[in-house]
């Protein structure tokens, strides 16, 4: 029996991973670094994607401007903190 296994994470998995990084990052700079290392974006952690959503095109591109990434990371951290 063969299984159709995809090694590409789903949009939901990417969302949960970005949220987990936000929960464990010490600050916005560390979160930005972790997101860049994992190929995730702060935008992926903001809202739960629909079940059938594909990985966003912008996530496939290299990291954005570092200052913009930090700003988005701060927004994600603030969003996560207010949801606790």
Protein backbone atom coordinates (compact mmCIF):
# COMPACT_ATOMS: atom_id res chain seq x y z
CA UNK A 1 0.00 0.00 0.00
CA UNK A 2 1.37 3.42 -0.93
CA UNK A 3 0.44 6.63 0.78
CA UNK A 4 0.25 10.02 -0.81
CA UNK A 5 2.41 11.99 1.60
CA UNK A 6 2.97 15.68 1.11
CA UNK A 7 5.96 17.22 2.83
CA UNK A 8 4.68 20.74 2.14
CA UNK A 9 2.91 22.10 5.24
CA UNK A 10 -0.69 23.22 4.90
CA UNK A 11 -1.74 26.82 5.47
CA UNK A 12 -3.20 25.76 8.82
CA UNK A 13 0.05 24.11 9.88
CA UNK A 14 1.99 27.22 8.87
CA UNK A 15 -0.46 29.37 10.87
CA UNK A 16 -0.05 27.24 13.99
CA UNK A 17 3.74 27.19 13.58
CA UNK A 18 3.91 31.00 13.33
CA UNK A 19 1.73 31.29 16.45
CA UNK A 20 3.93 28.81 18.32
CA UNK A 21 7.03 30.83 17.43
CA UNK A 22 5.30 34.00 18.64
CA UNK A 23 4.45 32.30 21.92
CA UNK A 24 8.06 31.31 22.56
CA UNK A 25 9.97 34.30 21.17
CA UNK A 26 11.50 36.65 23.74
CA UNK A 27 10.82 39.76 21.67
CA UNK A 28 9.92 41.00 18.19
CA UNK A 29 13.50 40.78 16.93
CA UNK A 30 13.80 37.15 17.98
CA UNK A 31 10.42 36.36 16.43
CA UNK A 32 11.45 38.01 13.16
CA UNK A 33 14.63 35.93 13.13
CA UNK A 34 12.75 32.70 13.88
CA UNK A 35 10.16 33.41 11.19
CA UNK A 36 12.90 34.08 8.66
CA UNK A 37 14.78 30.90 9.64
CA UNK A 38 11.67 28.77 9.19
CA UNK A 39 10.41 30.45 6.02
CA UNK A 40 7.24 31.64 7.73
CA UNK A 41 5.78 35.14 7.74
CA UNK A 42 4.15 37.14 10.52
CA UNK A 43 1.09 37.49 8.29
CA UNK A 44 0.59 33.72 8.37
CA UNK A 45 0.14 33.86 12.13
CA UNK A 46 -2.44 36.63 12.18
CA UNK A 47 -5.60 34.80 11.07
CA UNK A 48 -6.66 31.16 10.86
CA UNK A 49 -6.72 30.32 7.13
CA UNK A 50 -9.61 28.45 5.50
CA UNK A 51 -9.13 24.68 5.51
CA UNK A 52 -8.50 24.57 1.76
CA UNK A 53 -6.13 27.57 1.65
CA UNK A 54 -2.82 27.15 -0.11
CA UNK A 55 0.48 28.52 1.11
CA UNK A 56 0.59 32.24 0.31
CA UNK A 57 2.81 33.26 -2.62
CA UNK A 58 4.65 35.84 -0.52
CA UNK A 59 5.74 33.08 1.88
CA UNK A 60 7.62 31.41 -0.97
CA UNK A 61 9.71 34.50 -1.60
CA UNK A 62 12.79 35.50 0.39
CA UNK A 63 12.22 37.47 3.57
CA UNK A 64 10.85 40.98 3.27
CA UNK A 65 12.59 44.12 4.37
CA UNK A 66 13.93 43.45 7.90
CA UNK A 67 12.25 46.53 9.38
CA UNK A 68 8.89 45.53 7.87
CA UNK A 69 9.36 42.00 9.22
CA UNK A 70 10.03 43.41 12.71
CA UNK A 71 6.92 45.59 12.50
CA UNK A 72 4.79 42.61 11.50
CA UNK A 73 6.41 40.51 14.23
CA UNK A 74 5.53 43.13 16.85
CA UNK A 75 1.95 43.15 15.58
CA UNK A 76 1.79 39.37 15.80
CA UNK A 77 3.23 39.37 19.32
CA UNK A 78 0.73 42.02 20.42
CA UNK A 79 -2.11 40.06 18.85
CA UNK A 80 -0.97 36.89 20.58
CA UNK A 81 -0.58 38.64 23.95
CA UNK A 82 -4.07 40.12 23.78
CA UNK A 83 -5.56 36.71 22.91
CA UNK A 84 -4.14 35.07 26.04
